[in-house]
Amino acid sequence: MHPLDNVIWQALTTRQAQFAEVCDPARRFVQEVTLLCAFDEPSDSGYAALARLVGDGGTGAIFLDAEYRPRPHWDFVAGAPLLQMVCDNGKLSSWNSDRIVELGLADSTEMQELTALTKPGPFGPRTHELGNYMGIRVNGKLVAMAGERLKVPGHTEVSAVCTHPDFLGRGYAAALMAEVMRRIRERGETPFLHVREDNARAIAVYERLGFRVRKRGHFAVLRRVASR
């Protein structure tokens, strides 16, 4: 299996096992970190294990190779076709990074507020613990950010790429991504990311930075319904 196949599962069984909560063939990140969950395969036993892990009323986000099909005792909350992109061509544009700052625990509340507004994906109070996070401030306000999320052997995901709507079109996202990617490459790793297939604006930015589509899949946010 390639390290980027079933990537959440691979992250939780390798480089990010310290964040994993485990139930048989299912894994999930500690909930304060992110809602991402996985199983070894999308079988009846996989979903049953995930149900035990999240509990009645619990929510999890999963990546699938095929579109989610309704299952008993699961509510489909949200989802969409998903692209996995990698940047393995060795190119990296040069950007002015004078305004880029490192983000951490002290910035967690602002990071959550920005991601709640722009919705780049699940982001919790401890998501910043997954890797390097970088931001741009204007008059002291955090207006753009990007960082690292999933880590598997030889690869690190660029994630939480977002810009406040009032500051779009200034190149902030590309500048932040370039810095995050530079740090990933310095470790001898390959950057990758996930993006909704209908997010043409973001995909255009990623392609200019050298990313290419590796595979197509789907994501689904599911809520466990109590069985009666």
C-alpha atoms as a PDB file:
ATOM      1  CA  MET A   1       0.000   0.000   0.000  1.00  0.00           C
ATOM      2  CA  HIS A   2       1.244   3.484  -0.863  1.00  0.00           C
ATOM      3  CA  PRO A   3       1.686   5.741   2.209  1.00  0.00           C
ATOM      4  CA  LEU A   4      -0.975   8.126   0.830  1.00  0.00           C
ATOM      5  CA  ASP A   5      -3.620   5.415   0.396  1.00  0.00           C
ATOM      6  CA  ASN A   6      -6.048   5.257   3.348  1.00  0.00           C
ATOM      7  CA  VAL A   7      -3.950   8.133   4.608  1.00  0.00           C
ATOM      8  CA  ILE A   8      -5.752   8.858   7.896  1.00  0.00           C
ATOM      9  CA  TRP A   9      -5.391   5.224   8.932  1.00  0.00           C
ATOM     10  CA  GLN A  10      -1.731   5.235   7.988  1.00  0.00           C
ATOM     11  CA  ALA A  11      -1.079   8.454   9.926  1.00  0.00           C
ATOM     12  CA  LEU A  12      -2.732   7.043  13.052  1.00  0.00           C
ATOM     13  CA  THR A  13      -0.788   3.792  12.853  1.00  0.00           C
ATOM     14  CA  THR A  14       2.625   5.337  12.079  1.00  0.00           C
ATOM     15  CA  ARG A  15       3.908   8.887  12.623  1.00  0.00           C
ATOM     16  CA  GLN A  16       0.862  10.172  14.542  1.00  0.00           C
ATOM     17  CA  ALA A  17      -0.004   7.089  16.577  1.00  0.00           C
ATOM     18  CA  GLN A  18       0.450   9.196  19.731  1.00  0.00           C
ATOM     19  CA  PHE A  19      -2.775  11.048  18.860  1.00  0.00           C
ATOM     20  CA  ALA A  20      -4.816   7.875  18.219  1.00  0.00           C
ATOM     21  CA  GLU A  21      -7.793   6.490  20.094  1.00  0.00           C
ATOM     22  CA  VAL A  22      -8.217   2.834  19.125  1.00  0.00           C
ATOM     23  CA  CYS A  23     -11.074   0.349  18.888  1.00  0.00           C
ATOM     24  CA  ASP A  24     -10.314  -2.861  16.999  1.00  0.00           C
ATOM     25  CA  PRO A  25      -9.893  -1.969  13.255  1.00  0.00           C
ATOM     26  CA  ALA A  26     -10.857   1.696  13.787  1.00  0.00           C
ATOM     27  CA  ARG A  27      -8.825   4.727  14.810  1.00  0.00           C
ATOM     28  CA  ARG A  28      -9.600   8.365  15.482  1.00  0.00           C
ATOM     29  CA  PHE A  29      -7.625  11.398  16.479  1.00  0.00           C
ATOM     30  CA  VAL A  30      -8.130  12.734  19.983  1.00  0.00           C
ATOM     31  CA  GLN A  31     -11.209  14.904  19.545  1.00  0.00           C
ATOM     32  CA  GLU A  32      -9.535  18.144  20.652  1.00  0.00           C
ATOM     33  CA  VAL A  33      -7.080  17.654  17.789  1.00  0.00           C
ATOM     34  CA  THR A  34      -9.435  16.891  14.887  1.00  0.00           C
ATOM     35  CA  LEU A  35     -12.561  14.926  13.945  1.00  0.00           C
ATOM     36  CA  LEU A  36     -10.676  12.730  11.461  1.00  0.00           C
ATOM     37  CA  CYS A  37     -11.283   8.977  11.823  1.00  0.00           C
ATOM     38  CA  ALA A  38     -10.393   5.879   9.837  1.00  0.00           C
ATOM     39  CA  PHE A  39     -10.691   2.113   9.626  1.00  0.00           C
ATOM     40  CA  ASP A  40      -8.524  -0.453   7.907  1.00  0.00           C
ATOM     41  CA  GLU A  41     -11.280  -0.933   5.301  1.00  0.00           C
ATOM     42  CA  PRO A  42     -14.852   0.389   4.818  1.00  0.00           C
ATOM     43  CA  SER A  43     -16.473  -2.933   5.737  1.00  0.00           C
ATOM     44  CA  ASP A  44     -19.285  -3.792   8.142  1.00  0.00           C
ATOM     45  CA  SER A  45     -16.690  -4.580  10.798  1.00  0.00           C
ATOM     46  CA  GLY A  46     -14.914  -1.296  10.119  1.00  0.00           C
ATOM     47  CA  TYR A  47     -18.075   0.770  10.562  1.00  0.00           C
ATOM     48  CA  ALA A  48     -19.059  -1.273  13.630  1.00  0.00           C
ATOM     49  CA  ALA A  49     -15.703  -0.552  15.238  1.00  0.00           C
ATOM     50  CA  LEU A  50     -16.010   3.132  14.363  1.00  0.00           C
ATOM     51  CA  ALA A  51     -19.475   3.179  15.964  1.00  0.00           C
ATOM     52  CA  ARG A  52     -18.039   1.809  19.208  1.00  0.00           C
ATOM     53  CA  LEU A  53     -15.250   4.366  19.056  1.00  0.00           C
ATOM     54  CA  VAL A  54     -17.375   7.504  18.547  1.00  0.00           C
ATOM     55  CA  GLY A  55     -20.354   6.317  20.636  1.00  0.00           C
ATOM     56  CA  ASP A  56     -24.026   7.222  20.232  1.00  0.00           C
ATOM     57  CA  GLY A  57     -24.326  10.800  19.010  1.00  0.00           C
ATOM     58  CA  GLY A  58     -20.626  10.947  18.188  1.00  0.00           C
ATOM     59  CA  THR A  59     -19.303  12.515  14.994  1.00  0.00           C
ATOM     60  CA  GLY A  60     -16.347  11.658  12.806  1.00  0.00           C
ATOM     61  CA  ALA A  61     -14.930  12.648   9.423  1.00  0.00           C
ATOM     62  CA  ILE A  62     -13.609   9.919   7.128  1.00  0.00           C
ATOM     63  CA  PHE A  63     -11.928   9.724   3.711  1.00  0.00           C
ATOM     64  CA  LEU A  64     -13.301   7.155   1.263  1.00  0.00           C
ATOM     65  CA  ASP A  65     -12.286   5.964  -2.196  1.00  0.00           C
ATOM     66  CA  ALA A  66     -15.955   5.877  -3.284  1.00  0.00           C
ATOM     67  CA  GLU A  67     -18.991   7.995  -2.434  1.00  0.00           C
ATOM     68  CA  TYR A  68     -20.504   7.239   0.956  1.00  0.00           C
ATOM     69  CA  ARG A  69     -23.559   4.988   0.825  1.00  0.00           C
ATOM     70  CA  PRO A  70     -26.192   5.231   3.574  1.00  0.00           C
ATOM     71  CA  ARG A  71     -25.794   2.796   6.447  1.00  0.00           C
ATOM     72  CA  PRO A  72     -28.138   1.998   9.353  1.00  0.00           C
ATOM     73  CA  HIS A  73     -27.632   4.126  12.455  1.00  0.00           C
ATOM     74  CA  TRP A  74     -25.394   6.675  10.690  1.00  0.00           C
ATOM     75  CA  ASP A  75     -26.512  10.182   9.685  1.00  0.00           C
ATOM     76  CA  PHE A  76     -24.680  11.784   6.781  1.00  0.00           C
ATOM     77  CA  VAL A  77     -23.870  15.317   7.979  1.00  0.00           C
ATOM     78  CA  ALA A  78     -21.768  16.622   5.081  1.00  0.00           C
ATOM     79  CA  GLY A  79     -19.438  15.464   2.356  1.00  0.00           C
ATOM     80  CA  ALA A  80     -18.158  16.011  -1.157  1.00  0.00           C
ATOM     81  CA  PRO A  81     -15.783  14.663  -3.804  1.00  0.00           C
ATOM     82  CA  LEU A  82     -12.181  15.178  -2.715  1.00  0.00           C
ATOM     83  CA  LEU A  83      -8.885  15.504  -4.552  1.00  0.00           C
ATOM     84  CA  GLN A  84      -5.587  14.365  -3.095  1.00  0.00           C
ATOM     85  CA  MET A  85      -2.713  16.377  -4.596  1.00  0.00           C
ATOM     86  CA  VAL A  86       1.048  15.971  -4.228  1.00  0.00           C
ATOM     87  CA  CYS A  87       3.965  18.273  -5.011  1.00  0.00           C
ATOM     88  CA  ASP A  88       6.856  16.033  -5.993  1.00  0.00           C
ATOM     89  CA  ASN A  89       8.439  18.002  -8.853  1.00  0.00           C
ATOM     90  CA  GLY A  90      10.997  19.824  -6.720  1.00  0.00           C
ATOM     91  CA  LYS A  91       9.785  23.322  -7.663  1.00  0.00           C
ATOM     92  CA  LEU A  92       9.054  25.983  -5.106  1.00  0.00           C
ATOM     93  CA  SER A  93       8.213  29.575  -5.916  1.00  0.00           C
ATOM     94  CA  SER A  94       9.998  32.346  -4.053  1.00  0.00           C
ATOM     95  CA  TRP A  95       7.729  34.528  -1.915  1.00  0.00           C
ATOM     96  CA  ASN A  96       8.370  37.457   0.391  1.00  0.00           C
ATOM     97  CA  SER A  97       8.015  35.923   3.855  1.00  0.00           C
ATOM     98  CA  ASP A  98       8.779  39.016   5.950  1.00  0.00           C
ATOM     99  CA  ARG A  99       5.236  39.140   7.359  1.00  0.00           C
ATOM    100  CA  ILE A 100       4.927  35.429   8.112  1.00  0.00           C
ATOM    101  CA  VAL A 101       4.858  34.470  11.794  1.00  0.00           C
ATOM    102  CA  GLU A 102       4.826  31.128  13.555  1.00  0.00           C
ATOM    103  CA  LEU A 103       1.603  30.166  15.335  1.00  0.00           C
ATOM    104  CA  GLY A 104       1.113  27.998  18.398  1.00  0.00           C
ATOM    105  CA  LEU A 105      -0.826  27.485  21.603  1.00  0.00           C
ATOM    106  CA  ALA A 106      -1.152  31.213  22.328  1.00  0.00           C
ATOM    107  CA  ASP A 107      -2.832  31.693  18.923  1.00  0.00           C
ATOM    108  CA  SER A 108      -5.199  28.714  19.152  1.00  0.00           C
ATOM    109  CA  THR A 109      -8.371  30.719  19.771  1.00  0.00           C
ATOM    110  CA  GLU A 110      -7.736  33.009  16.800  1.00  0.00           C
ATOM    111  CA  MET A 111      -6.873  30.027  14.604  1.00  0.00           C
ATOM    112  CA  GLN A 112     -10.174  28.363  15.507  1.00  0.00           C
ATOM    113  CA  GLU A 113     -12.083  31.576  14.820  1.00  0.00           C
ATOM    114  CA  LEU A 114     -10.484  31.953  11.384  1.00  0.00           C
ATOM    115  CA  THR A 115     -11.124  28.339  10.411  1.00  0.00           C
ATOM    116  CA  ALA A 116     -14.715  28.540  11.687  1.00  0.00           C
ATOM    117  CA  LEU A 117     -15.243  31.502   9.361  1.00  0.00           C
ATOM    118  CA  THR A 118     -13.496  30.088   6.287  1.00  0.00           C
ATOM    119  CA  LYS A 119     -14.142  26.335   6.796  1.00  0.00           C
ATOM    120  CA  PRO A 120     -10.970  24.739   5.380  1.00  0.00           C
ATOM    121  CA  GLY A 121     -11.734  21.544   7.336  1.00  0.00           C
ATOM    122  CA  PRO A 122     -12.010  20.297  10.929  1.00  0.00           C
ATOM    123  CA  PHE A 123      -9.869  22.365  13.293  1.00  0.00           C
ATOM    124  CA  GLY A 124      -9.888  22.010  17.058  1.00  0.00           C
ATOM    125  CA  PRO A 125      -8.170  23.582  20.061  1.00  0.00           C
ATOM    126  CA  ARG A 126      -5.197  21.179  19.737  1.00  0.00           C
ATOM    127  CA  THR A 127      -4.903  20.892  15.948  1.00  0.00           C
ATOM    128  CA  HIS A 128      -1.839  23.130  16.069  1.00  0.00           C
ATOM    129  CA  GLU A 129       0.008  20.285  17.836  1.00  0.00           C
ATOM    130  CA  LEU A 130       0.110  18.294  14.568  1.00  0.00           C
ATOM    131  CA  GLY A 131       2.939  20.350  13.070  1.00  0.00           C
ATOM    132  CA  ASN A 132       4.189  23.766  12.007  1.00  0.00           C
ATOM    133  CA  TYR A 133       1.525  26.461  11.578  1.00  0.00           C
ATOM    134  CA  MET A 134       2.265  29.808   9.989  1.00  0.00           C
ATOM    135  CA  GLY A 135       0.167  32.968   9.780  1.00  0.00           C
ATOM    136  CA  ILE A 136      -0.027  36.541   8.538  1.00  0.00           C
ATOM    137  CA  ARG A 137      -1.327  39.339  10.732  1.00  0.00           C
ATOM    138  CA  VAL A 138      -2.619  42.719   9.622  1.00  0.00           C
ATOM    139  CA  ASN A 139      -2.873  45.353  12.363  1.00  0.00           C
ATOM    140  CA  GLY A 140      -2.470  42.546  14.872  1.00  0.00           C
ATOM    141  CA  LYS A 141      -5.346  40.481  13.476  1.00  0.00           C
ATOM    142  CA  LEU A 142      -4.757  36.951  12.145  1.00  0.00           C
ATOM    143  CA  VAL A 143      -6.013  37.112   8.553  1.00  0.00           C
ATOM    144  CA  ALA A 144      -4.422  34.054   6.905  1.00  0.00           C
ATOM    145  CA  MET A 145      -2.838  30.779   7.946  1.00  0.00           C
ATOM    146  CA  ALA A 146      -1.575  27.402   6.779  1.00  0.00           C
ATOM    147  CA  GLY A 147       0.049  24.450   8.475  1.00  0.00           C
ATOM    148  CA  GLU A 148       0.656  20.716   8.688  1.00  0.00           C
ATOM    149  CA  ARG A 149      -1.862  18.007   9.519  1.00  0.00           C
ATOM    150  CA  LEU A 150      -1.527  14.346   8.465  1.00  0.00           C
ATOM    151  CA  LYS A 151       1.946  12.814   8.569  1.00  0.00           C
ATOM    152  CA  VAL A 152       2.826   9.433   7.059  1.00  0.00           C
ATOM    153  CA  PRO A 153       6.207   7.961   6.133  1.00  0.00           C
ATOM    154  CA  GLY A 154       7.939  10.329   3.714  1.00  0.00           C
ATOM    155  CA  HIS A 155       4.999  12.731   3.399  1.00  0.00           C
ATOM    156  CA  THR A 156       3.389  15.626   5.300  1.00  0.00           C
ATOM    157  CA  GLU A 157       0.032  17.224   4.507  1.00  0.00           C
ATOM    158  CA  VAL A 158      -0.343  20.969   3.989  1.00  0.00           C
ATOM    159  CA  SER A 159      -3.638  21.888   5.632  1.00  0.00           C
ATOM    160  CA  ALA A 160      -5.836  24.611   7.149  1.00  0.00           C
ATOM    161  CA  VAL A 161      -5.005  26.937   4.244  1.00  0.00           C
ATOM    162  CA  CYS A 162      -7.385  29.848   4.710  1.00  0.00           C
ATOM    163  CA  THR A 163      -7.679  33.610   4.321  1.00  0.00           C
ATOM    164  CA  HIS A 164     -10.200  35.992   5.857  1.00  0.00           C
ATOM    165  CA  PRO A 165     -12.684  37.065   3.133  1.00  0.00           C
ATOM    166  CA  ASP A 166     -11.646  40.712   3.530  1.00  0.00           C
ATOM    167  CA  PHE A 167      -8.042  39.874   2.586  1.00  0.00           C
ATOM    168  CA  LEU A 168      -8.416  37.583  -0.427  1.00  0.00           C
ATOM    169  CA  GLY A 169      -6.393  38.179  -3.593  1.00  0.00           C
ATOM    170  CA  ARG A 170      -3.211  39.367  -1.877  1.00  0.00           C
ATOM    171  CA  GLY A 171      -1.199  36.162  -2.296  1.00  0.00           C
ATOM    172  CA  TYR A 172      -1.247  35.329   1.408  1.00  0.00           C
ATOM    173  CA  ALA A 173      -2.297  31.684   0.980  1.00  0.00           C
ATOM    174  CA  ALA A 174       0.409  30.971  -1.595  1.00  0.00           C
ATOM    175  CA  ALA A 175       3.084  32.681   0.526  1.00  0.00           C
ATOM    176  CA  LEU A 176       2.145  30.697   3.613  1.00  0.00           C
ATOM    177  CA  MET A 177       1.978  27.433   1.706  1.00  0.00           C
ATOM    178  CA  ALA A 178       5.398  28.063   0.185  1.00  0.00           C
ATOM    179  CA  GLU A 179       6.879  28.495   3.663  1.00  0.00           C
ATOM    180  CA  VAL A 180       5.161  25.388   5.039  1.00  0.00           C
ATOM    181  CA  MET A 181       6.288  23.392   1.991  1.00  0.00           C
ATOM    182  CA  ARG A 182       9.860  24.657   2.359  1.00  0.00           C
ATOM    183  CA  ARG A 183      10.009  23.314   5.896  1.00  0.00           C
ATOM    184  CA  ILE A 184       8.533  19.971   4.836  1.00  0.00           C
ATOM    185  CA  ARG A 185      11.107  19.651   2.062  1.00  0.00           C
ATOM    186  CA  GLU A 186      13.938  20.493   4.456  1.00  0.00           C
ATOM    187  CA  ARG A 187      13.008  17.308   6.333  1.00  0.00           C
ATOM    188  CA  GLY A 188      13.302  15.305   3.113  1.00  0.00           C
ATOM    189  CA  GLU A 189       9.539  14.804   2.853  1.00  0.00           C
ATOM    190  CA  THR A 190       6.988  15.324   0.073  1.00  0.00           C
ATOM    191  CA  PRO A 191       4.130  17.827   0.580  1.00  0.00           C
ATOM    192  CA  PHE A 192       0.583  16.717  -0.173  1.00  0.00           C
ATOM    193  CA  LEU A 193      -2.890  18.100   0.476  1.00  0.00           C
ATOM    194  CA  HIS A 194      -6.608  17.491   0.144  1.00  0.00           C
ATOM    195  CA  VAL A 195      -9.118  19.842  -1.463  1.00  0.00           C
ATOM    196  CA  ARG A 196     -12.772  19.700  -2.453  1.00  0.00           C
ATOM    197  CA  GLU A 197     -13.042  18.952  -6.138  1.00  0.00           C
ATOM    198  CA  ASP A 198     -15.356  21.948  -6.657  1.00  0.00           C
ATOM    199  CA  ASN A 199     -12.942  24.466  -5.076  1.00  0.00           C
ATOM    200  CA  ALA A 200     -11.552  25.784  -8.362  1.00  0.00           C
ATOM    201  CA  ARG A 201      -9.950  28.881  -6.799  1.00  0.00           C
ATOM    202  CA  ALA A 202      -7.878  26.845  -4.354  1.00  0.00           C
ATOM    203  CA  ILE A 203      -6.943  24.206  -6.927  1.00  0.00           C
ATOM    204  CA  ALA A 204      -5.588  26.918  -9.248  1.00  0.00           C
ATOM    205  CA  VAL A 205      -3.335  28.201  -6.437  1.00  0.00           C
ATOM    206  CA  TYR A 206      -2.125  24.692  -5.644  1.00  0.00           C
ATOM    207  CA  GLU A 207      -1.347  23.930  -9.278  1.00  0.00           C
ATOM    208  CA  ARG A 208       0.721  27.128  -9.562  1.00  0.00           C
ATOM    209  CA  LEU A 209       2.732  25.890  -6.584  1.00  0.00           C
ATOM    210  CA  GLY A 210       3.443  22.616  -8.398  1.00  0.00           C
ATOM    211  CA  PHE A 211       0.798  20.285  -6.987  1.00  0.00           C
ATOM    212  CA  ARG A 212      -0.773  17.636  -9.199  1.00  0.00           C
ATOM    213  CA  VAL A 213      -3.777  15.400  -8.634  1.00  0.00           C
ATOM    214  CA  ARG A 214      -2.744  11.991  -7.354  1.00  0.00           C
ATOM    215  CA  LYS A 215      -6.184  10.477  -6.734  1.00  0.00           C
ATOM    216  CA  ARG A 216      -9.862  11.272  -6.415  1.00  0.00           C
ATOM    217  CA  GLY A 217     -11.968  10.237  -3.463  1.00  0.00           C
ATOM    218  CA  HIS A 218     -14.672  11.468  -1.119  1.00  0.00           C
ATOM    219  CA  PHE A 219     -14.944  12.735   2.414  1.00  0.00           C
ATOM    220  CA  ALA A 220     -17.924  12.239   4.684  1.00  0.00           C
ATOM    221  CA  VAL A 221     -18.826  13.649   8.074  1.00  0.00           C
ATOM    222  CA  LEU A 222     -20.990  11.089   9.872  1.00  0.00           C
ATOM    223  CA  ARG A 223     -22.952  11.119  13.121  1.00  0.00           C
ATOM    224  CA  ARG A 224     -23.772   7.905  14.956  1.00  0.00           C
ATOM    225  CA  VAL A 225     -27.456   7.518  15.753  1.00  0.00           C
ATOM    226  CA  ALA A 226     -28.458   5.558  18.840  1.00  0.00           C
ATOM    227  CA  SER A 227     -29.840   2.128  17.926  1.00  0.00           C
ATOM    228  CA  ARG A 228     -33.272   1.245  19.242  1.00  0.00           C
END
